[in-house]
């Protein structure tokens, strides 16, 4: 009988372009985590380690509150230790808490989280030392291929020296570092409702905005919603991008007469803002608001600022920031692209439509908490001409002059054919007038330099037969018309 070699495991459904994400244990088991840990050591940690005979190679690992986290972390750490890497465990933290640890300790890092995904998921966000991203072009593909080989071979080989494990508490250092970046001590008193969604904001908010880390008290009256850490998400999914997950916060802001509301996702690296009326403030408006603060600080220091924004953010972002003296750089959607461009451009700030906000002062990484602190500072310092406090709805109005559709997803049988119908109507035939077209990330069609002003972006999902549409226009009627016309083309023949 002829023996055959079993096929190598396929981790493409688990290890995507930006991170690791999958259902536990179907796609993501401790065995798989161990193989990924060994591959992470080989691809990211060991090549950057000091020469033999000096400090042993080290990596830092954190985790969110999901029940599957401890077993997966232990297995990942075991794989890294087998390859000779010392592991520093910082325990429960937000993703930006892991980035702070990676940046402040100068170590590669791995954060175990599935962010906003449901309870049955878990994942890993990995970074090089200094919180530099590990994406498909910066190590993640090599990690996937090597992990598949280790799984096929049984176990990763042991290095000559086995790595050691240590524990380190980083929450107080993280909180103190953020406090050093934005001064909230002199703002007017604010009442803030904060929805942590049973995610890691329940740990980080008391430490950073309260006195949980031994820091001075701030003029903030915080009304907590769902601060209990619970990876089963008993109240609502920790995904503020979905409107239904904001409803409790919106109601609480109005009920308590609060100045604003803040919502964090599961790993607390994204922050969404609600005004005093209970209405959402768009992430593009927050990008403009925070961006202008950072631009002003850069210019006061005699530097020419650069700000990064992805191609789906509102046109108000480059409009206002360029008028304030900044250079703006438009980039693809996705945190690894933004972070790479941030570092390459020495950008002071970056923002995405999905409420990821990036700061040069935070290792070019994203942090929802620091963005929230900038919003609190801006609101707490804002005064009208007569000296009276300004409401957030009035403050943000200047940053939301256009009308956006939000992201509209369409499941289609033939993505290429659907896209081709849109190209034929808008680009080839120019049925809506002369347009500018680019394909930096999907298809962007713009009629912004003429009237009526509108643009749209149509992007395909990397993992599903979906097309994602974003439309912006100078007024509601035009936005609705463009949105509905494009959707009719995309969905034609879908039954």
Protein backbone atom coordinates (compact mmCIF):
# COMPACT_ATOMS: atom_id res chain seq x y z
CA UNK A 1 0.00 0.00 0.00
CA UNK A 2 1.31 3.41 -0.92
CA UNK A 3 1.39 5.92 1.93
CA UNK A 4 0.33 9.50 1.29
CA UNK A 5 1.29 12.65 3.13
CA UNK A 6 -1.74 14.34 4.71
CA UNK A 7 -2.45 17.80 3.30
CA UNK A 8 -1.12 20.74 5.28
CA UNK A 9 -3.77 22.56 7.34
CA UNK A 10 -5.22 25.62 5.60
CA UNK A 11 -5.27 28.68 7.86
CA UNK A 12 -6.44 31.18 5.23
CA UNK A 13 -9.91 31.36 6.76
CA UNK A 14 -8.35 32.24 10.13
CA UNK A 15 -5.37 34.45 9.26
CA UNK A 16 -6.57 37.35 7.15
CA UNK A 17 -4.95 40.50 5.74
CA UNK A 18 -4.69 42.34 9.07
CA UNK A 19 -5.01 39.86 11.91
CA UNK A 20 -6.13 36.44 13.14
CA UNK A 21 -9.88 36.02 13.65
CA UNK A 22 -12.11 32.94 13.89
CA UNK A 23 -14.57 30.82 15.83
CA UNK A 24 -13.19 28.90 18.82
CA UNK A 25 -12.39 26.02 18.68
CA UNK A 26 -13.56 25.23 15.12
CA UNK A 27 -11.03 27.47 13.39
CA UNK A 28 -8.99 28.69 16.33
CA UNK A 29 -7.90 26.06 18.84
CA UNK A 30 -5.04 25.96 21.38
CA UNK A 31 -3.13 23.70 18.99
CA UNK A 32 -3.40 26.31 16.26
CA UNK A 33 -2.49 29.09 18.71
CA UNK A 34 0.67 27.19 19.69
CA UNK A 35 1.74 26.88 16.06
CA UNK A 36 1.04 30.58 15.43
CA UNK A 37 3.03 31.48 18.55
CA UNK A 38 6.04 29.55 17.27
CA UNK A 39 5.71 31.10 13.82
CA UNK A 40 5.37 34.58 15.35
CA UNK A 41 8.60 33.97 17.24
CA UNK A 42 10.42 32.88 14.08
CA UNK A 43 9.09 35.55 11.73
CA UNK A 44 8.79 38.62 13.97
CA UNK A 45 10.64 38.22 17.28
CA UNK A 46 13.86 36.34 16.54
CA UNK A 47 14.94 38.30 13.42
CA UNK A 48 14.74 41.54 15.44
CA UNK A 49 16.47 40.15 18.54
CA UNK A 50 19.88 41.32 19.70
CA UNK A 51 22.93 39.20 18.80
CA UNK A 52 23.46 35.98 20.70
CA UNK A 53 24.92 36.40 24.15
CA UNK A 54 23.07 39.62 25.00
CA UNK A 55 19.44 40.15 26.08
CA UNK A 56 17.21 37.14 25.28
CA UNK A 57 14.48 37.75 22.67
CA UNK A 58 11.21 38.84 24.28
CA UNK A 59 7.59 39.47 23.33
CA UNK A 60 4.63 40.93 25.23
CA UNK A 61 1.16 39.34 25.25
CA UNK A 62 -2.18 40.76 26.37
CA UNK A 63 -5.78 39.56 26.23
CA UNK A 64 -9.34 40.80 26.42
CA UNK A 65 -12.14 39.38 28.60
CA UNK A 66 -13.24 36.49 26.36
CA UNK A 67 -13.54 33.13 28.10
CA UNK A 68 -11.37 31.41 25.49
CA UNK A 69 -8.50 33.86 26.00
CA UNK A 70 -6.48 32.22 28.82
CA UNK A 71 -6.14 28.84 27.07
CA UNK A 72 -5.21 30.42 23.75
CA UNK A 73 -2.69 32.77 25.36
CA UNK A 74 -1.08 29.88 27.23
CA UNK A 75 -0.76 27.86 24.03
CA UNK A 76 0.62 30.79 22.01
CA UNK A 77 3.14 31.54 24.76
CA UNK A 78 4.15 27.87 24.82
CA UNK A 79 4.85 27.98 21.08
CA UNK A 80 6.93 31.14 21.39
CA UNK A 81 8.86 29.77 24.37
CA UNK A 82 9.63 26.58 22.45
CA UNK A 83 11.44 28.75 19.92
CA UNK A 84 13.49 30.46 22.65
CA UNK A 85 11.43 33.62 23.21
CA UNK A 86 10.82 35.04 26.69
CA UNK A 87 7.17 36.00 27.16
CA UNK A 88 5.94 39.00 29.17
CA UNK A 89 2.27 38.55 30.11
CA UNK A 90 0.38 41.76 30.89
CA UNK A 91 -3.00 40.07 31.40
CA UNK A 92 -6.29 41.85 30.76
CA UNK A 93 -5.89 44.98 28.65
CA UNK A 94 -7.34 46.90 25.73
CA UNK A 95 -5.72 46.55 22.33
CA UNK A 96 -4.25 50.03 22.64
CA UNK A 97 -2.97 48.95 26.04
CA UNK A 98 -1.00 46.22 24.26
CA UNK A 99 0.27 48.77 21.74
CA UNK A 100 1.42 50.97 24.63
CA UNK A 101 3.25 48.01 26.15
CA UNK A 102 4.89 47.20 22.82
CA UNK A 103 5.90 50.82 22.34
CA UNK A 104 7.08 51.60 25.84
CA UNK A 105 8.94 48.29 26.32
CA UNK A 106 10.26 48.18 22.75
CA UNK A 107 8.97 44.62 22.24
CA UNK A 108 6.94 42.78 19.60
CA UNK A 109 3.44 42.09 20.85
CA UNK A 110 0.37 39.91 20.48
CA UNK A 111 -3.11 40.92 21.63
CA UNK A 112 -5.71 38.18 21.98
CA UNK A 113 -9.04 39.67 21.00
CA UNK A 114 -11.78 39.35 18.42
CA UNK A 115 -12.59 43.04 18.84
CA UNK A 116 -16.31 43.58 18.15
CA UNK A 117 -17.08 40.01 17.01
CA UNK A 118 -19.53 37.79 18.94
CA UNK A 119 -18.55 35.71 21.96
CA UNK A 120 -17.68 32.53 20.05
CA UNK A 121 -14.83 34.31 18.24
CA UNK A 122 -11.29 35.08 19.28
CA UNK A 123 -8.23 36.29 17.45
CA UNK A 124 -4.80 37.92 17.59
CA UNK A 125 -3.58 41.36 16.61
CA UNK A 126 0.20 41.19 16.28
CA UNK A 127 2.80 43.93 16.06
CA UNK A 128 6.51 44.43 15.68
CA UNK A 129 8.43 46.30 18.40
CA UNK A 130 7.23 49.85 18.81
CA UNK A 131 3.65 48.81 17.92
CA UNK A 132 4.48 48.63 14.21
CA UNK A 133 1.83 46.60 12.37
CA UNK A 134 2.12 42.98 11.32
CA UNK A 135 -0.02 42.73 8.17
CA UNK A 136 -0.10 40.58 5.08
CA UNK A 137 2.94 42.35 3.62
CA UNK A 138 4.81 42.77 6.89
CA UNK A 139 4.96 39.24 8.27
CA UNK A 140 1.44 37.87 8.57
CA UNK A 141 1.51 35.79 5.39
CA UNK A 142 4.86 34.28 6.42
CA UNK A 143 3.44 33.53 9.89
CA UNK A 144 0.46 31.76 8.32
CA UNK A 145 2.60 29.65 6.01
CA UNK A 146 5.00 28.65 8.78
CA UNK A 147 2.19 27.88 11.24
CA UNK A 148 0.61 25.60 8.63
CA UNK A 149 3.92 23.76 8.28
CA UNK A 150 4.28 23.40 12.05
CA UNK A 151 0.76 21.98 12.30
CA UNK A 152 1.45 19.52 9.49
CA UNK A 153 4.71 18.40 11.13
CA UNK A 154 3.14 17.93 14.54
CA UNK A 155 5.01 20.31 16.84
CA UNK A 156 7.41 23.22 16.33
CA UNK A 157 11.01 22.22 17.07
CA UNK A 158 12.50 23.28 20.40
CA UNK A 159 15.26 25.87 20.36
CA UNK A 160 18.49 25.31 22.29
CA UNK A 161 17.23 27.63 25.02
CA UNK A 162 13.61 27.52 26.15
CA UNK A 163 11.98 30.90 26.78
CA UNK A 164 10.82 32.02 30.20
CA UNK A 165 7.55 33.61 31.36
CA UNK A 166 7.09 36.72 33.48
CA UNK A 167 4.09 38.85 34.48
CA UNK A 168 3.93 42.63 34.38
CA UNK A 169 1.18 45.07 35.32
CA UNK A 170 0.93 47.88 32.72
CA UNK A 171 -2.48 49.51 33.29
CA UNK A 172 -1.23 52.34 35.52
CA UNK A 173 1.63 53.16 33.13
CA UNK A 174 -0.82 53.17 30.20
CA UNK A 175 -3.20 55.51 32.02
CA UNK A 176 -0.42 57.86 33.11
CA UNK A 177 1.00 57.99 29.58
CA UNK A 178 -2.37 58.96 28.07
CA UNK A 179 -2.94 61.60 30.74
CA UNK A 180 0.42 63.13 29.77
CA UNK A 181 -0.77 63.63 26.18
CA UNK A 182 -4.02 65.56 26.81
CA UNK A 183 -4.60 67.91 29.74
CA UNK A 184 -8.16 67.52 30.99
CA UNK A 185 -7.61 69.18 34.35
CA UNK A 186 -8.75 72.65 33.30
CA UNK A 187 -11.89 71.84 31.31
CA UNK A 188 -15.38 72.74 32.49
CA UNK A 189 -17.22 69.97 34.34
CA UNK A 190 -18.79 67.47 31.94
CA UNK A 191 -21.31 64.70 32.46
CA UNK A 192 -20.38 61.74 30.27
CA UNK A 193 -22.27 58.50 29.73
CA UNK A 194 -19.86 55.74 28.68
CA UNK A 195 -20.96 52.39 27.25
CA UNK A 196 -18.18 49.82 27.55
CA UNK A 197 -20.34 47.05 26.08
CA UNK A 198 -18.98 44.64 28.73
CA UNK A 199 -15.65 44.98 26.96
CA UNK A 200 -12.24 46.26 27.96
CA UNK A 201 -13.43 49.85 28.32
CA UNK A 202 -14.80 48.68 31.65
CA UNK A 203 -11.17 48.32 32.78
CA UNK A 204 -9.52 51.23 30.99
CA UNK A 205 -12.07 54.02 31.53
CA UNK A 206 -11.85 53.99 35.36
CA UNK A 207 -8.05 53.91 35.11
CA UNK A 208 -7.65 56.73 32.57
CA UNK A 209 -10.63 59.01 33.19
CA UNK A 210 -11.20 58.13 36.83
CA UNK A 211 -8.86 57.61 39.74
CA UNK A 212 -8.48 53.86 39.35
CA UNK A 213 -4.79 54.16 38.50
CA UNK A 214 -4.08 56.61 41.31
CA UNK A 215 -4.23 59.68 39.06
CA UNK A 216 -5.74 63.05 40.04
CA UNK A 217 -9.49 63.39 39.77
CA UNK A 218 -10.83 65.01 36.59
CA UNK A 219 -13.89 67.30 36.29
CA UNK A 220 -15.90 64.44 34.79
CA UNK A 221 -19.15 62.95 36.08
CA UNK A 222 -19.10 59.52 34.46
CA UNK A 223 -22.30 57.50 34.14
CA UNK A 224 -21.18 53.90 33.42
CA UNK A 225 -23.07 51.48 31.18
CA UNK A 226 -22.05 47.81 31.09
CA UNK A 227 -18.61 48.17 32.68
CA UNK A 228 -18.66 44.56 33.95
CA UNK A 229 -16.13 42.54 31.92
CA UNK A 230 -18.11 39.74 30.28
CA UNK A 231 -17.02 38.08 27.06
CA UNK A 232 -20.53 36.72 26.46
CA UNK A 233 -21.76 40.31 25.88
CA UNK A 234 -25.06 39.91 27.77
CA UNK A 235 -26.41 43.39 26.98
CA UNK A 236 -25.49 43.97 23.34
CA UNK A 237 -22.63 43.16 20.99
CA UNK A 238 -19.62 45.39 21.57
CA UNK A 239 -19.80 46.76 18.03
CA UNK A 240 -20.82 50.44 18.07
CA UNK A 241 -20.64 50.58 14.28
CA UNK A 242 -24.08 48.91 14.27
CA UNK A 243 -26.78 51.48 15.16
CA UNK A 244 -28.77 49.09 17.36
CA UNK A 245 -25.78 48.76 19.70
CA UNK A 246 -25.85 52.51 20.38
CA UNK A 247 -29.48 52.75 21.41
CA UNK A 248 -28.94 52.22 25.15
CA UNK A 249 -26.24 54.89 25.18
CA UNK A 250 -28.33 57.35 23.19
CA UNK A 251 -31.25 56.93 25.58
CA UNK A 252 -29.02 57.26 28.64
CA UNK A 253 -27.41 60.48 27.38
CA UNK A 254 -30.84 62.10 27.06
CA UNK A 255 -32.15 60.59 30.31
CA UNK A 256 -29.20 61.87 32.37
CA UNK A 257 -28.95 65.23 30.62
CA UNK A 258 -25.36 64.41 29.76
CA UNK A 259 -23.02 66.56 27.71
CA UNK A 260 -22.04 63.60 25.54
CA UNK A 261 -21.79 59.83 25.32
CA UNK A 262 -18.87 57.57 24.42
CA UNK A 263 -19.08 53.97 23.21
CA UNK A 264 -16.11 51.60 23.02
CA UNK A 265 -15.91 48.36 21.10
CA UNK A 266 -14.92 45.05 22.69
CA UNK A 267 -11.18 45.64 22.81
CA UNK A 268 -11.64 49.40 23.37
CA UNK A 269 -9.42 50.54 20.52
CA UNK A 270 -12.34 52.33 18.80
CA UNK A 271 -14.48 55.10 20.23
CA UNK A 272 -17.84 56.39 18.98
CA UNK A 273 -19.31 59.72 20.10
CA UNK A 274 -22.92 60.72 20.85
CA UNK A 275 -23.94 64.37 21.28
CA UNK A 276 -26.16 65.80 24.01
CA UNK A 277 -29.29 65.18 21.90
CA UNK A 278 -28.51 61.47 21.66
CA UNK A 279 -27.38 61.80 18.02
CA UNK A 280 -24.22 60.11 16.70
CA UNK A 281 -21.30 62.31 15.66
CA UNK A 282 -19.70 60.81 12.58
CA UNK A 283 -16.15 59.42 12.83
CA UNK A 284 -15.22 61.75 9.97
CA UNK A 285 -16.29 64.74 12.08
CA UNK A 286 -14.21 63.40 14.98
CA UNK A 287 -11.27 62.96 12.58
CA UNK A 288 -11.58 66.61 11.57
CA UNK A 289 -12.03 67.84 15.15
CA UNK A 290 -9.07 65.92 16.58
CA UNK A 291 -7.01 66.50 13.46
CA UNK A 292 -7.37 70.26 13.78
CA UNK A 293 -6.20 70.11 17.39
CA UNK A 294 -3.11 68.14 16.43
CA UNK A 295 -2.44 70.36 13.40
CA UNK A 296 -2.59 73.48 15.57
CA UNK A 297 -0.15 71.94 18.06
CA UNK A 298 2.28 70.99 15.28
CA UNK A 299 2.16 74.42 13.69
CA UNK A 300 2.68 76.09 17.08
CA UNK A 301 5.86 74.04 17.39
CA UNK A 302 7.03 75.28 14.00
CA UNK A 303 6.42 72.04 12.14
CA UNK A 304 4.41 71.37 8.98
CA UNK A 305 1.86 68.71 9.96
CA UNK A 306 0.78 65.68 7.95
CA UNK A 307 -2.55 63.94 8.58
CA UNK A 308 -3.61 60.58 7.13
CA UNK A 309 -7.20 59.69 6.27
CA UNK A 310 -8.64 56.71 4.45
CA UNK A 311 -10.54 57.17 1.22
CA UNK A 312 -13.98 56.69 2.80
CA UNK A 313 -13.72 59.55 5.27
CA UNK A 314 -15.73 62.67 4.45
CA UNK A 315 -14.29 65.27 2.08
CA UNK A 316 -14.59 67.69 5.00
CA UNK A 317 -11.44 66.13 6.48
CA UNK A 318 -8.98 67.20 3.76
CA UNK A 319 -10.95 70.44 3.21
CA UNK A 320 -10.57 71.66 6.78
CA UNK A 321 -7.13 70.25 7.51
CA UNK A 322 -5.57 71.63 4.35
CA UNK A 323 -7.14 75.02 5.10
CA UNK A 324 -5.49 74.84 8.53
CA UNK A 325 -2.07 74.31 6.95
CA UNK A 326 -1.77 70.53 6.98
CA UNK A 327 -0.65 68.15 4.28
CA UNK A 328 -3.22 65.37 3.94
CA UNK A 329 -2.53 61.90 2.60
CA UNK A 330 -5.34 59.63 1.38
CA UNK A 331 -4.83 55.91 1.87
CA UNK A 332 -6.54 52.53 1.63
CA UNK A 333 -8.94 51.24 4.27
CA UNK A 334 -7.29 49.13 6.96
CA UNK A 335 -5.17 49.71 10.03
CA UNK A 336 -1.98 48.19 8.64
CA UNK A 337 -2.07 50.54 5.63
CA UNK A 338 -2.78 53.57 7.81
CA UNK A 339 -0.02 52.72 10.30
CA UNK A 340 2.55 52.15 7.58
CA UNK A 341 1.65 55.47 5.95
CA UNK A 342 1.64 57.22 9.33
CA UNK A 343 5.21 56.12 10.01
CA UNK A 344 6.41 56.76 6.45
CA UNK A 345 5.00 60.31 6.51
CA UNK A 346 5.78 61.05 10.17
CA UNK A 347 2.11 62.00 10.37
CA UNK A 348 0.88 63.57 13.57
CA UNK A 349 -2.60 62.01 13.28
CA UNK A 350 -4.74 59.67 11.20
CA UNK A 351 -8.42 58.79 11.10
CA UNK A 352 -10.75 56.23 9.54
CA UNK A 353 -14.50 56.13 8.91
CA UNK A 354 -14.68 53.10 11.24
CA UNK A 355 -13.63 55.20 14.29
CA UNK A 356 -10.01 54.11 14.40
CA UNK A 357 -7.82 57.09 15.31
CA UNK A 358 -4.02 57.03 15.07
CA UNK A 359 -1.48 59.25 16.83
CA UNK A 360 2.21 59.80 16.27
CA UNK A 361 2.56 60.35 20.02
CA UNK A 362 1.06 56.89 20.56
CA UNK A 363 3.62 54.99 18.48
CA UNK A 364 1.67 55.73 15.27
CA UNK A 365 -0.96 53.28 16.57
CA UNK A 366 -4.70 53.57 17.06
CA UNK A 367 -6.28 54.37 20.40
CA UNK A 368 -9.93 55.11 21.04
CA UNK A 369 -9.19 56.40 24.52
CA UNK A 370 -6.84 59.14 23.37
CA UNK A 371 -9.36 60.25 20.74
CA UNK A 372 -12.05 60.38 23.44
CA UNK A 373 -9.78 62.55 25.60
CA UNK A 374 -9.31 65.01 22.72
CA UNK A 375 -13.09 65.23 22.28
CA UNK A 376 -13.55 65.86 26.01
CA UNK A 377 -10.83 68.54 25.94
CA UNK A 378 -12.30 70.26 22.87
CA UNK A 379 -15.82 70.29 24.32
CA UNK A 380 -14.66 71.25 27.79
CA UNK A 381 -12.74 74.26 26.46
CA UNK A 382 -15.28 75.44 23.83
CA UNK A 383 -17.03 78.73 24.56
CA UNK A 384 -19.38 80.87 22.51
CA UNK A 385 -18.79 84.57 21.85
CA UNK A 386 -20.56 85.50 25.11
CA UNK A 387 -18.46 83.03 27.09
CA UNK A 388 -21.19 80.42 27.57
CA UNK A 389 -20.41 76.70 27.09
CA UNK A 390 -20.92 75.23 23.62
CA UNK A 391 -22.97 72.06 23.17
CA UNK A 392 -21.37 69.18 21.29
CA UNK A 393 -24.06 69.32 18.58
CA UNK A 394 -23.08 72.94 17.88
CA UNK A 395 -19.36 72.21 18.08
CA UNK A 396 -19.56 69.29 15.66
CA UNK A 397 -21.87 71.02 13.15
CA UNK A 398 -18.91 72.67 11.42
CA UNK A 399 -17.35 69.25 10.86
CA UNK A 400 -20.42 67.68 9.21
CA UNK A 401 -21.38 69.93 6.25
CA UNK A 402 -22.01 67.04 3.85
CA UNK A 403 -24.41 64.09 3.84
CA UNK A 404 -23.12 60.51 3.88
CA UNK A 405 -24.87 57.19 3.32
CA UNK A 406 -22.78 55.17 5.73
CA UNK A 407 -21.55 51.81 4.53
CA UNK A 408 -24.24 49.83 2.68
CA UNK A 409 -23.47 46.16 2.02
CA UNK A 410 -24.94 44.14 -0.84
CA UNK A 411 -24.58 40.37 -1.13
CA UNK A 412 -24.28 39.57 -4.83
CA UNK A 413 -23.76 36.35 -6.76
CA UNK A 414 -21.24 37.81 -9.21
CA UNK A 415 -19.18 40.63 -7.70
CA UNK A 416 -17.25 41.31 -10.92
CA UNK A 417 -20.41 41.58 -13.01
CA UNK A 418 -22.05 43.92 -10.50
CA UNK A 419 -19.00 46.17 -10.46
CA UNK A 420 -18.89 46.13 -14.27
CA UNK A 421 -22.49 47.41 -14.46
CA UNK A 422 -21.54 50.38 -12.27
CA UNK A 423 -18.43 51.11 -14.35
CA UNK A 424 -20.43 50.98 -17.57
CA UNK A 425 -23.09 53.40 -16.31
CA UNK A 426 -20.93 55.91 -14.45
CA UNK A 427 -17.51 55.72 -16.12
CA UNK A 428 -17.91 54.43 -19.68
CA UNK A 429 -21.24 56.07 -20.47
CA UNK A 430 -20.78 58.90 -17.93
CA UNK A 431 -24.51 58.87 -17.38
CA UNK A 432 -24.19 61.20 -14.41
CA UNK A 433 -21.72 63.56 -16.09
CA UNK A 434 -17.92 63.72 -16.33
CA UNK A 435 -16.27 62.02 -13.36
CA UNK A 436 -12.86 61.38 -11.85
CA UNK A 437 -12.05 57.73 -11.21
CA UNK A 438 -9.42 55.99 -9.12
CA UNK A 439 -8.88 52.43 -7.94
CA UNK A 440 -6.70 52.95 -4.87
CA UNK A 441 -9.10 50.73 -2.91
CA UNK A 442 -12.04 49.45 -4.91
CA UNK A 443 -13.71 51.88 -7.30
CA UNK A 444 -14.02 55.55 -6.38
CA UNK A 445 -16.09 57.72 -8.72
CA UNK A 446 -16.15 61.46 -8.01
CA UNK A 447 -18.21 64.38 -9.31
CA UNK A 448 -16.89 66.68 -6.56
CA UNK A 449 -15.36 69.40 -8.72
CA UNK A 450 -18.69 70.26 -10.36
CA UNK A 451 -22.32 70.57 -9.29
CA UNK A 452 -24.11 68.68 -7.92
CA UNK A 453 -21.22 67.49 -5.72
CA UNK A 454 -21.08 63.77 -4.94
CA UNK A 455 -18.73 60.80 -4.83
CA UNK A 456 -18.99 57.11 -4.07
CA UNK A 457 -16.67 54.22 -3.33
CA UNK A 458 -17.53 50.60 -4.13
CA UNK A 459 -15.29 47.98 -2.50
CA UNK A 460 -15.42 44.20 -2.51
CA UNK A 461 -15.13 42.26 0.73
CA UNK A 462 -11.99 40.16 1.11
CA UNK A 463 -13.90 37.26 2.62
CA UNK A 464 -17.51 37.30 1.38
CA UNK A 465 -19.43 37.90 -1.89
CA UNK A 466 -20.22 41.43 -0.75
CA UNK A 467 -19.90 44.86 -2.27
CA UNK A 468 -19.60 47.77 0.17
CA UNK A 469 -20.94 51.15 -0.96
CA UNK A 470 -20.20 54.54 0.60
CA UNK A 471 -21.72 57.71 -0.86
CA UNK A 472 -21.29 61.35 0.12
CA UNK A 473 -22.92 64.43 -1.39
CA UNK A 474 -23.40 68.10 -0.67
CA UNK A 475 -27.09 67.56 0.13
CA UNK A 476 -29.48 64.79 1.12
CA UNK A 477 -31.42 64.52 -2.15
CA UNK A 478 -28.30 64.00 -4.26
CA UNK A 479 -26.84 61.48 -1.80
CA UNK A 480 -30.06 59.44 -1.83
CA UNK A 481 -30.26 59.52 -5.64
CA UNK A 482 -26.66 58.39 -6.16
CA UNK A 483 -26.94 55.76 -3.43
CA UNK A 484 -30.14 54.28 -4.81
CA UNK A 485 -28.97 54.39 -8.44
CA UNK A 486 -25.70 52.60 -7.64
CA UNK A 487 -27.45 50.03 -5.46
CA UNK A 488 -29.94 49.29 -8.26
CA UNK A 489 -27.03 48.54 -10.58
CA UNK A 490 -25.23 46.44 -8.00
CA UNK A 491 -28.31 44.41 -7.08
CA UNK A 492 -29.76 44.00 -10.58
CA UNK A 493 -30.87 40.42 -11.21
CA UNK A 494 -30.45 39.33 -7.58
CA UNK A 495 -34.09 38.39 -7.22
